[in-house]
């Protein structure tokens, strides 16, 4: 490891699918992400990157502490007080790094710094505790109530349309603007850790007009629907705009997908703007690009997140080492990694000790070409969100994925090598399931919920957002 500590930039988007990076094998042909593709081609593309608990708050807890959801106590979507002793920015700050957050943090209580020296906080495009909204009003004279949401589209819906704001007033642009200012005015005598956390492409699906127009005119892929998916008689009008189970007509779906891809493209070109501004700095940064979770986007007649399927759980996961380190380029890893691995990777790169509380693993051995994997299986889960019965567990080795719904007992098994879109459920072949059940039992055997007696999975045990007896001052030994 080089003696000098690297500068570190962590890009994290919100609700970006793993196939929405141009270099991904499953990426839509129409999608343009040349800057992200460059980061991936000059570094390592972890093609089996996953969100262990695919919704905003629990995913960001895993990233911030290098822990699996069950280890930090939150296994579903719920904001609660947290007094964790070790965080990624906290460890770096103690080691002399200048640590800066720009954008979304989505931890509680609001404005708690969790180890950042300074924060420019915007957890949404509206709200009182929001530095982006203040910027809209102060710098751009926007006088609307909730100026970032004056288009009227739901913040969790499927409607796609152009944004009412020009691109230079949007959240992603603001994040990059603030990052450029930070790089100009940072302390040059110490290394920095800069986390740039963009809300896009989270709904509302409202890209700048140029990007909506670009994709609404292109040949876009429609959603994939597996032979196991809940069926609809046909497109339905009058459903809740925030619904998670939905079947749209061709025009509505096209608008939704065009807007989503446009937002991803806008993110990419803003990252390109930052690179042009600070090329010399970024060339010798450790750069990580990822997202907190994906978006079903109509696949299998589903929208939103929390689902264990690839569109929701798999995320972009790209890491580029400083050029001076001489790490291999155009590297690809097909073994499973997760958000819990980011903190150990960064601390390892900075030459710092990884706290014992971390359940994640450093990915540097893979990046150096010394290893092909850091684990055999990755475990993920999410307590029921839109409906309690949707609580789920999943495990994957990067080649297959096994899913178990804790309240209904529904099981899925997918061959990800041959069936990356999870079109064909192998769970009907009963003999295939036994070894995968046994593997999941291994992850759940010491859990207090009683999901297993050590011999079988037990359906219907309580599966809530918080681990039983949640305590904001402790970590849990259930991993």
Protein backbone atom coordinates (compact mmCIF):
# COMPACT_ATOMS: atom_id res chain seq x y z
CA UNK A 1 0.00 0.00 0.00
CA UNK A 2 1.39 3.46 -0.86
CA UNK A 3 2.53 5.48 2.14
CA UNK A 4 0.49 8.57 1.30
CA UNK A 5 -3.16 8.52 2.30
CA UNK A 6 -5.44 8.94 -0.71
CA UNK A 7 -8.10 11.55 -1.18
CA UNK A 8 -11.47 9.80 -1.36
CA UNK A 9 -14.67 10.66 -3.23
CA UNK A 10 -17.80 8.59 -2.62
CA UNK A 11 -20.64 9.19 -5.07
CA UNK A 12 -23.95 7.71 -3.97
CA UNK A 13 -27.17 8.09 -5.88
CA UNK A 14 -30.65 7.17 -4.69
CA UNK A 15 -32.68 4.35 -6.24
CA UNK A 16 -30.36 3.59 -9.18
CA UNK A 17 -30.59 0.09 -10.62
CA UNK A 18 -27.46 -1.99 -11.11
CA UNK A 19 -28.18 -2.29 -14.82
CA UNK A 20 -28.29 1.49 -15.24
CA UNK A 21 -24.59 1.92 -15.94
CA UNK A 22 -23.56 1.57 -19.56
CA UNK A 23 -20.82 -1.00 -18.91
CA UNK A 24 -23.22 -3.39 -17.17
CA UNK A 25 -24.06 -6.41 -19.35
CA UNK A 26 -27.79 -5.82 -18.80
CA UNK A 27 -27.75 -2.06 -19.44
CA UNK A 28 -30.32 -0.69 -21.93
CA UNK A 29 -28.66 0.12 -25.24
CA UNK A 30 -30.25 3.58 -25.24
CA UNK A 31 -28.71 4.62 -21.91
CA UNK A 32 -25.72 6.99 -21.98
CA UNK A 33 -23.32 7.01 -18.99
CA UNK A 34 -19.87 7.68 -20.51
CA UNK A 35 -18.35 9.13 -17.34
CA UNK A 36 -19.44 6.27 -15.11
CA UNK A 37 -18.29 3.86 -17.79
CA UNK A 38 -14.86 5.50 -17.70
CA UNK A 39 -14.63 5.11 -13.92
CA UNK A 40 -15.53 1.45 -14.29
CA UNK A 41 -13.18 0.76 -17.21
CA UNK A 42 -10.23 2.33 -15.36
CA UNK A 43 -11.03 0.51 -12.12
CA UNK A 44 -13.07 -2.46 -10.94
CA UNK A 45 -16.71 -3.04 -11.81
CA UNK A 46 -18.35 -5.16 -9.12
CA UNK A 47 -21.21 -6.52 -11.20
CA UNK A 48 -22.84 -8.29 -8.25
CA UNK A 49 -23.08 -5.31 -5.92
CA UNK A 50 -26.12 -5.44 -3.65
CA UNK A 51 -28.00 -3.38 -1.10
CA UNK A 52 -28.38 -5.66 1.90
CA UNK A 53 -31.58 -3.89 2.94
CA UNK A 54 -32.87 -2.13 -0.18
CA UNK A 55 -34.45 1.08 1.05
CA UNK A 56 -32.91 4.44 1.91
CA UNK A 57 -32.43 4.47 5.68
CA UNK A 58 -31.22 0.92 6.39
CA UNK A 59 -28.99 0.89 3.31
CA UNK A 60 -27.28 4.09 4.41
CA UNK A 61 -26.76 2.72 7.91
CA UNK A 62 -24.90 -0.24 6.41
CA UNK A 63 -22.77 2.03 4.26
CA UNK A 64 -21.95 4.43 7.10
CA UNK A 65 -20.86 1.72 9.56
CA UNK A 66 -19.70 -1.22 7.47
CA UNK A 67 -22.36 -3.42 9.03
CA UNK A 68 -25.05 -5.82 7.87
CA UNK A 69 -28.61 -4.68 8.70
CA UNK A 70 -29.07 -7.17 11.55
CA UNK A 71 -25.77 -6.06 13.07
CA UNK A 72 -26.83 -2.40 13.34
CA UNK A 73 -30.40 -3.21 14.36
CA UNK A 74 -32.49 -1.81 11.49
CA UNK A 75 -33.83 -4.33 8.96
CA UNK A 76 -36.54 -2.18 7.37
CA UNK A 77 -37.47 1.39 6.58
CA UNK A 78 -37.53 3.30 9.86
CA UNK A 79 -35.66 6.35 11.08
CA UNK A 80 -34.51 6.05 14.68
CA UNK A 81 -31.90 7.62 16.92
CA UNK A 82 -28.48 6.07 16.61
CA UNK A 83 -25.36 6.51 18.72
CA UNK A 84 -22.94 4.25 16.90
CA UNK A 85 -19.33 4.51 17.99
CA UNK A 86 -17.75 3.90 14.58
CA UNK A 87 -18.69 5.51 11.28
CA UNK A 88 -16.81 5.86 8.03
CA UNK A 89 -16.42 9.66 8.21
CA UNK A 90 -15.78 9.46 11.94
CA UNK A 91 -12.84 7.08 11.59
CA UNK A 92 -11.40 9.17 8.78
CA UNK A 93 -11.85 12.43 10.67
CA UNK A 94 -10.06 11.00 13.73
CA UNK A 95 -7.20 10.04 11.43
CA UNK A 96 -6.83 13.63 10.18
CA UNK A 97 -9.03 13.61 7.07
CA UNK A 98 -11.18 16.62 6.21
CA UNK A 99 -14.64 15.05 5.88
CA UNK A 100 -17.49 16.68 3.97
CA UNK A 101 -21.04 15.60 3.14
CA UNK A 102 -22.96 17.17 0.27
CA UNK A 103 -26.56 16.06 -0.24
CA UNK A 104 -28.56 13.27 1.30
CA UNK A 105 -27.68 11.56 4.60
CA UNK A 106 -31.12 10.30 5.74
CA UNK A 107 -30.09 9.35 9.26
CA UNK A 108 -31.56 10.49 12.54
CA UNK A 109 -31.70 12.81 14.31
CA UNK A 110 -31.56 15.30 11.43
CA UNK A 111 -28.35 17.38 11.42
CA UNK A 112 -26.41 14.90 13.53
CA UNK A 113 -23.04 14.81 11.78
CA UNK A 114 -22.10 11.15 12.34
CA UNK A 115 -18.42 12.02 12.03
CA UNK A 116 -18.54 14.55 9.20
CA UNK A 117 -16.61 17.75 9.90
CA UNK A 118 -19.15 19.68 7.83
CA UNK A 119 -22.41 18.95 6.05
CA UNK A 120 -24.46 20.61 3.33
CA UNK A 121 -27.61 18.63 3.98
CA UNK A 122 -30.51 17.98 1.62
CA UNK A 123 -32.34 14.74 2.34
CA UNK A 124 -35.06 15.63 -0.20
CA UNK A 125 -36.02 18.38 -2.64
CA UNK A 126 -38.31 19.93 -0.02
CA UNK A 127 -38.38 20.47 3.74
CA UNK A 128 -37.16 22.95 6.30
CA UNK A 129 -33.82 21.35 7.27
CA UNK A 130 -32.60 21.58 3.71
CA UNK A 131 -29.58 23.49 2.41
CA UNK A 132 -30.56 22.85 -1.21
CA UNK A 133 -33.98 24.48 -0.72
CA UNK A 134 -32.29 27.44 0.99
CA UNK A 135 -29.98 27.73 -2.06
CA UNK A 136 -32.97 27.70 -4.44
CA UNK A 137 -34.56 30.54 -2.56
CA UNK A 138 -31.45 32.59 -1.80
CA UNK A 139 -29.49 32.15 -5.04
CA UNK A 140 -32.25 31.62 -7.57
CA UNK A 141 -35.14 33.58 -6.07
CA UNK A 142 -37.57 30.66 -6.07
CA UNK A 143 -40.54 31.74 -4.00
CA UNK A 144 -42.82 28.73 -4.46
CA UNK A 145 -43.83 26.65 -1.46
CA UNK A 146 -41.50 23.64 -1.76
CA UNK A 147 -39.86 25.01 -4.92
CA UNK A 148 -38.16 21.71 -5.76
CA UNK A 149 -41.51 19.88 -5.86
CA UNK A 150 -43.75 22.48 -7.53
CA UNK A 151 -44.25 20.17 -10.53
CA UNK A 152 -46.79 18.22 -8.44
CA UNK A 153 -45.45 14.72 -9.19
CA UNK A 154 -45.34 12.29 -6.27
CA UNK A 155 -42.01 11.75 -4.53
CA UNK A 156 -42.63 7.98 -4.58
CA UNK A 157 -44.66 7.53 -7.74
CA UNK A 158 -44.24 6.31 -11.30
CA UNK A 159 -45.28 9.41 -13.28
CA UNK A 160 -42.58 10.67 -15.65
CA UNK A 161 -42.38 14.22 -17.01
CA UNK A 162 -39.80 17.01 -17.47
CA UNK A 163 -38.87 19.00 -14.38
CA UNK A 164 -40.23 22.52 -14.04
CA UNK A 165 -36.79 23.80 -12.94
CA UNK A 166 -33.89 24.38 -15.33
CA UNK A 167 -31.05 21.92 -14.84
CA UNK A 168 -28.78 24.47 -13.13
CA UNK A 169 -31.33 24.69 -10.28
CA UNK A 170 -31.76 20.96 -9.68
CA UNK A 171 -30.45 18.94 -6.75
CA UNK A 172 -27.84 17.00 -8.73
CA UNK A 173 -26.43 20.22 -10.19
CA UNK A 174 -26.36 21.76 -6.71
CA UNK A 175 -24.43 18.78 -5.34
CA UNK A 176 -21.76 19.10 -8.02
CA UNK A 177 -21.60 22.88 -7.64
CA UNK A 178 -20.96 22.51 -3.92
CA UNK A 179 -18.38 19.78 -4.56
CA UNK A 180 -16.49 22.07 -6.93
CA UNK A 181 -16.46 24.78 -4.28
CA UNK A 182 -15.24 22.32 -1.65
CA UNK A 183 -12.36 21.13 -3.83
CA UNK A 184 -11.37 24.76 -4.45
CA UNK A 185 -11.45 25.77 -0.78
CA UNK A 186 -10.44 22.58 1.06
CA UNK A 187 -7.49 22.38 3.41
CA UNK A 188 -4.60 21.42 1.10
CA UNK A 189 -2.44 20.10 3.95
CA UNK A 190 -4.63 17.09 4.80
CA UNK A 191 -6.37 14.41 2.76
CA UNK A 192 -10.11 14.71 2.23
CA UNK A 193 -13.15 12.44 2.21
CA UNK A 194 -15.97 13.90 0.13
CA UNK A 195 -19.34 12.17 0.03
CA UNK A 196 -21.56 13.45 -2.79
CA UNK A 197 -25.04 12.08 -2.21
CA UNK A 198 -27.57 12.82 -4.95
CA UNK A 199 -31.33 12.27 -4.65
CA UNK A 200 -31.75 11.36 -8.32
CA UNK A 201 -32.92 9.05 -9.86
CA UNK A 202 -35.33 8.58 -6.92
CA UNK A 203 -38.87 9.64 -7.81
CA UNK A 204 -40.29 12.02 -8.75
CA UNK A 205 -39.16 10.93 -12.21
CA UNK A 206 -38.58 14.49 -13.39
CA UNK A 207 -35.30 15.05 -15.25
CA UNK A 208 -34.42 18.35 -16.92
CA UNK A 209 -36.42 18.85 -20.09
CA UNK A 210 -33.47 18.14 -22.40
CA UNK A 211 -32.92 14.68 -20.89
CA UNK A 212 -36.59 13.77 -20.94
CA UNK A 213 -36.77 14.72 -24.60
CA UNK A 214 -33.64 12.71 -25.36
CA UNK A 215 -35.12 9.46 -24.04
CA UNK A 216 -38.79 9.81 -24.90
CA UNK A 217 -37.65 9.76 -28.54
CA UNK A 218 -35.50 6.65 -28.20
CA UNK A 219 -36.23 2.96 -28.53
CA UNK A 220 -36.56 2.01 -24.86
CA UNK A 221 -36.90 -1.48 -23.42
CA UNK A 222 -40.15 -2.29 -21.66
CA UNK A 223 -40.32 -3.99 -18.28
CA UNK A 224 -39.57 -7.69 -17.92
CA UNK A 225 -42.24 -9.87 -16.31
CA UNK A 226 -41.29 -13.30 -15.01
CA UNK A 227 -43.41 -16.40 -15.38
CA UNK A 228 -43.85 -16.36 -11.59
CA UNK A 229 -44.96 -12.70 -11.26
CA UNK A 230 -48.42 -11.67 -9.99
CA UNK A 231 -50.58 -11.17 -13.06
CA UNK A 232 -52.80 -8.27 -14.09
CA UNK A 233 -55.68 -8.59 -16.53
CA UNK A 234 -54.33 -5.50 -18.23
CA UNK A 235 -53.29 -1.91 -17.56
CA UNK A 236 -55.38 -0.29 -14.87
CA UNK A 237 -56.28 3.35 -14.34
CA UNK A 238 -57.13 4.89 -11.00
CA UNK A 239 -54.53 3.05 -8.92
CA UNK A 240 -52.61 4.86 -6.19
CA UNK A 241 -49.79 6.84 -7.90
CA UNK A 242 -47.48 5.51 -5.16
CA UNK A 243 -48.51 1.87 -5.62
CA UNK A 244 -45.81 -0.81 -5.53
CA UNK A 245 -47.84 -3.36 -7.55
CA UNK A 246 -49.04 -1.82 -10.76
CA UNK A 247 -49.50 -2.43 -14.48
CA UNK A 248 -49.22 0.66 -16.67
CA UNK A 249 -50.26 1.10 -20.26
CA UNK A 250 -47.53 1.46 -22.87
CA UNK A 251 -47.56 5.27 -22.94
CA UNK A 252 -47.43 5.74 -19.16
CA UNK A 253 -44.64 3.18 -18.86
CA UNK A 254 -42.67 4.83 -21.65
CA UNK A 255 -42.90 8.22 -19.92
CA UNK A 256 -41.78 6.68 -16.64
CA UNK A 257 -38.79 4.89 -18.13
CA UNK A 258 -37.72 7.80 -20.33
CA UNK A 259 -37.71 10.09 -17.29
CA UNK A 260 -35.77 7.57 -15.18
CA UNK A 261 -33.07 7.03 -17.80
CA UNK A 262 -32.90 10.78 -18.35
CA UNK A 263 -32.17 11.32 -14.66
CA UNK A 264 -29.37 8.74 -14.74
CA UNK A 265 -27.88 10.43 -17.83
CA UNK A 266 -28.08 13.83 -16.09
CA UNK A 267 -26.19 12.44 -13.08
CA UNK A 268 -23.49 11.09 -15.36
CA UNK A 269 -22.96 14.36 -17.18
CA UNK A 270 -22.78 16.29 -13.92
CA UNK A 271 -20.08 13.90 -12.73
CA UNK A 272 -18.36 14.69 -16.02
CA UNK A 273 -18.58 18.39 -15.15
CA UNK A 274 -16.82 17.74 -11.85
CA UNK A 275 -14.14 15.69 -13.58
CA UNK A 276 -13.44 18.49 -16.06
CA UNK A 277 -13.19 20.98 -13.20
CA UNK A 278 -10.84 18.88 -11.05
CA UNK A 279 -9.24 16.33 -13.33
CA UNK A 280 -5.83 16.54 -11.67
CA UNK A 281 -7.35 15.88 -8.25
CA UNK A 282 -9.67 13.08 -9.33
CA UNK A 283 -6.97 11.19 -11.22
CA UNK A 284 -5.34 10.34 -7.90
CA UNK A 285 -8.44 9.90 -5.77
CA UNK A 286 -9.99 6.68 -4.60
CA UNK A 287 -13.37 7.00 -6.35
CA UNK A 288 -16.40 4.91 -5.45
CA UNK A 289 -19.74 5.11 -7.23
CA UNK A 290 -22.78 3.27 -5.88
CA UNK A 291 -26.44 3.66 -4.90
CA UNK A 292 -28.47 2.84 -1.82
CA UNK A 293 -30.86 0.51 -3.71
CA UNK A 294 -32.51 0.08 -7.10
CA UNK A 295 -35.96 0.63 -8.60
CA UNK A 296 -38.29 -2.06 -9.97
CA UNK A 297 -39.48 0.33 -12.73
CA UNK A 298 -42.32 -1.98 -13.74
CA UNK A 299 -40.31 -5.20 -13.83
CA UNK A 300 -42.48 -8.12 -12.70
CA UNK A 301 -45.39 -5.65 -12.40
CA UNK A 302 -43.67 -3.94 -9.47
CA UNK A 303 -42.43 -0.45 -8.70
CA UNK A 304 -40.29 1.12 -5.99
CA UNK A 305 -37.80 -0.65 -3.69
CA UNK A 306 -37.60 -3.07 -0.68
CA UNK A 307 -38.03 -6.05 -3.03
CA UNK A 308 -35.33 -8.76 -3.11
CA UNK A 309 -35.26 -8.92 -6.91
CA UNK A 310 -32.34 -7.71 -9.03
CA UNK A 311 -33.98 -4.45 -10.12
CA UNK A 312 -34.44 -3.41 -6.50
CA UNK A 313 -31.54 -5.06 -4.63
CA UNK A 314 -28.70 -4.93 -7.18
CA UNK A 315 -26.89 -1.60 -7.41
CA UNK A 316 -24.07 0.04 -9.37
CA UNK A 317 -20.80 -0.67 -7.58
CA UNK A 318 -17.67 0.78 -9.19
CA UNK A 319 -14.32 1.48 -7.52
CA UNK A 320 -11.31 3.20 -9.08
CA UNK A 321 -7.99 3.30 -7.24
CA UNK A 322 -5.65 6.28 -7.56
CA UNK A 323 -3.82 6.05 -10.86
CA UNK A 324 -0.45 6.18 -9.08
CA UNK A 325 -1.19 2.89 -7.32
CA UNK A 326 -0.95 0.95 -10.56
CA UNK A 327 -3.95 -1.28 -9.88
CA UNK A 328 -5.33 -3.35 -12.76
CA UNK A 329 -7.80 -1.59 -15.04
CA UNK A 330 -10.86 -3.04 -16.76
CA UNK A 331 -11.25 -5.46 -13.86
CA UNK A 332 -14.58 -7.20 -13.32
CA UNK A 333 -15.78 -9.02 -10.21
CA UNK A 334 -18.81 -11.32 -10.34
CA UNK A 335 -18.81 -12.40 -6.70
CA UNK A 336 -21.27 -10.70 -4.32
CA UNK A 337 -20.36 -7.51 -2.49
CA UNK A 338 -22.52 -5.11 -0.50
CA UNK A 339 -22.74 -1.64 0.95
CA UNK A 340 -21.24 -2.95 4.19
CA UNK A 341 -17.96 -3.46 2.29
CA UNK A 342 -17.43 0.22 1.50
CA UNK A 343 -16.24 1.32 4.95
CA UNK A 344 -13.65 -1.49 5.31
CA UNK A 345 -12.44 -0.85 1.76
CA UNK A 346 -11.96 2.87 2.35
CA UNK A 347 -10.27 2.42 5.73
CA UNK A 348 -7.96 -0.21 4.27
CA UNK A 349 -7.07 2.15 1.43
CA UNK A 350 -6.29 4.88 3.97
CA UNK A 351 -4.08 2.52 5.99
CA UNK A 352 -6.43 2.59 8.98
CA UNK A 353 -7.59 -0.18 11.26
CA UNK A 354 -11.05 -1.55 10.53
CA UNK A 355 -13.22 -1.57 13.69
CA UNK A 356 -14.29 -4.96 15.01
CA UNK A 357 -17.91 -3.86 14.66
CA UNK A 358 -17.63 -4.00 10.87
CA UNK A 359 -19.11 -7.08 9.24
CA UNK A 360 -18.08 -5.95 5.75
CA UNK A 361 -14.83 -6.84 4.02
CA UNK A 362 -12.17 -4.78 2.28
CA UNK A 363 -12.37 -5.16 -1.49
CA UNK A 364 -8.79 -4.12 -2.16
CA UNK A 365 -7.56 -7.75 -2.55
CA UNK A 366 -10.04 -8.16 -5.41
CA UNK A 367 -9.02 -4.85 -6.96
CA UNK A 368 -5.35 -5.85 -6.82
CA UNK A 369 -6.12 -9.15 -8.54
CA UNK A 370 -5.14 -11.21 -5.49
CA UNK A 371 -8.58 -12.72 -4.88
CA UNK A 372 -11.84 -13.31 -6.72
CA UNK A 373 -14.16 -12.94 -3.74
CA UNK A 374 -14.40 -11.78 -0.13
CA UNK A 375 -17.32 -14.08 0.76
CA UNK A 376 -19.16 -17.09 -0.57
CA UNK A 377 -22.65 -15.77 0.13
CA UNK A 378 -24.21 -12.36 0.72
CA UNK A 379 -27.34 -12.13 2.86
CA UNK A 380 -29.96 -9.43 2.51
CA UNK A 381 -33.41 -8.76 3.90
CA UNK A 382 -36.20 -6.23 4.30
CA UNK A 383 -39.13 -6.16 6.69
CA UNK A 384 -42.52 -5.62 5.05
CA UNK A 385 -42.92 -2.00 4.02
CA UNK A 386 -45.87 -1.40 1.70
CA UNK A 387 -47.53 -4.49 3.18
CA UNK A 388 -46.40 -6.44 6.23
CA UNK A 389 -46.59 -9.71 4.27
CA UNK A 390 -43.79 -8.53 1.97
CA UNK A 391 -41.03 -9.12 4.55
CA UNK A 392 -38.27 -11.07 2.84
CA UNK A 393 -34.82 -12.64 3.12
CA UNK A 394 -32.41 -13.36 0.28
CA UNK A 395 -28.99 -14.92 -0.22
CA UNK A 396 -26.81 -14.99 -3.33
CA UNK A 397 -23.44 -16.37 -4.37
CA UNK A 398 -23.44 -14.20 -7.48
CA UNK A 399 -24.61 -17.10 -9.64
CA UNK A 400 -27.90 -18.02 -7.98
CA UNK A 401 -30.28 -16.17 -5.69
CA UNK A 402 -32.63 -17.74 -3.15
CA UNK A 403 -35.52 -15.70 -1.73
CA UNK A 404 -37.81 -16.50 1.19
CA UNK A 405 -40.80 -14.40 2.27
CA UNK A 406 -40.97 -14.61 6.05
CA UNK A 407 -44.74 -14.18 6.41
CA UNK A 408 -46.06 -16.23 3.51
CA UNK A 409 -43.32 -18.83 3.01
CA UNK A 410 -43.10 -18.02 -0.71
CA UNK A 411 -39.75 -19.09 -2.14
CA UNK A 412 -37.87 -18.23 -5.33
CA UNK A 413 -34.67 -19.58 -6.81
CA UNK A 414 -33.08 -17.91 -9.82
CA UNK A 415 -30.06 -18.80 -11.96
CA UNK A 416 -28.52 -15.35 -12.40
CA UNK A 417 -25.92 -16.52 -14.92
CA UNK A 418 -28.48 -17.88 -17.36
CA UNK A 419 -31.44 -15.74 -16.30
CA UNK A 420 -30.17 -12.32 -15.11
CA UNK A 421 -33.66 -10.79 -15.29
CA UNK A 422 -35.15 -13.50 -13.04
CA UNK A 423 -37.73 -14.56 -15.59
CA UNK A 424 -37.88 -18.24 -14.63
CA UNK A 425 -38.39 -19.41 -11.05
CA UNK A 426 -36.59 -22.67 -10.27
CA UNK A 427 -38.41 -23.07 -6.95
CA UNK A 428 -40.84 -25.50 -8.57
CA UNK A 429 -37.98 -28.00 -8.69
CA UNK A 430 -38.18 -28.91 -5.01
CA UNK A 431 -34.90 -30.80 -4.88
CA UNK A 432 -33.02 -27.60 -5.70
CA UNK A 433 -34.34 -25.73 -2.66
CA UNK A 434 -33.07 -27.82 0.25
CA UNK A 435 -29.41 -26.73 0.12
CA UNK A 436 -30.42 -23.08 -0.22
CA UNK A 437 -32.78 -23.28 2.74
CA UNK A 438 -29.93 -24.75 4.75
CA UNK A 439 -27.68 -21.87 3.78
CA UNK A 440 -30.27 -19.28 4.81
CA UNK A 441 -30.80 -21.11 8.10
CA UNK A 442 -27.10 -20.59 8.73
CA UNK A 443 -27.57 -16.82 8.55
CA UNK A 444 -30.75 -16.78 10.66
CA UNK A 445 -30.09 -19.46 13.31
CA UNK A 446 -29.15 -17.05 16.12
CA UNK A 447 -31.67 -14.34 15.33
CA UNK A 448 -34.11 -13.43 18.14
CA UNK A 449 -37.13 -13.38 15.81
CA UNK A 450 -37.16 -17.18 15.66
CA UNK A 451 -37.05 -17.47 11.85
CA UNK A 452 -35.57 -20.96 12.29
CA UNK A 453 -35.15 -23.70 14.88
CA UNK A 454 -31.86 -24.65 13.26
CA UNK A 455 -33.48 -27.35 11.16
CA UNK A 456 -36.17 -25.58 9.15
CA UNK A 457 -37.41 -22.11 8.30
CA UNK A 458 -40.44 -21.06 10.34
CA UNK A 459 -43.07 -18.99 8.53
CA UNK A 460 -44.97 -16.20 10.27
CA UNK A 461 -42.47 -15.12 12.92
CA UNK A 462 -42.64 -11.39 13.64
CA UNK A 463 -40.49 -9.44 11.18
CA UNK A 464 -40.41 -5.74 12.00
CA UNK A 465 -38.20 -2.84 10.93
CA UNK A 466 -36.20 -2.89 14.17
CA UNK A 467 -34.46 -5.83 15.75
CA UNK A 468 -36.25 -6.95 18.95
CA UNK A 469 -35.11 -4.77 21.83
CA UNK A 470 -33.49 -2.21 19.55
CA UNK A 471 -30.99 -0.06 21.46
CA UNK A 472 -29.41 2.97 19.73
CA UNK A 473 -26.21 2.50 21.75
CA UNK A 474 -25.34 -1.06 20.76
CA UNK A 475 -24.46 -3.33 17.87
CA UNK A 476 -25.93 -6.81 17.56
CA UNK A 477 -24.07 -10.14 17.38
CA UNK A 478 -26.50 -11.81 14.99
CA UNK A 479 -24.29 -11.84 11.89
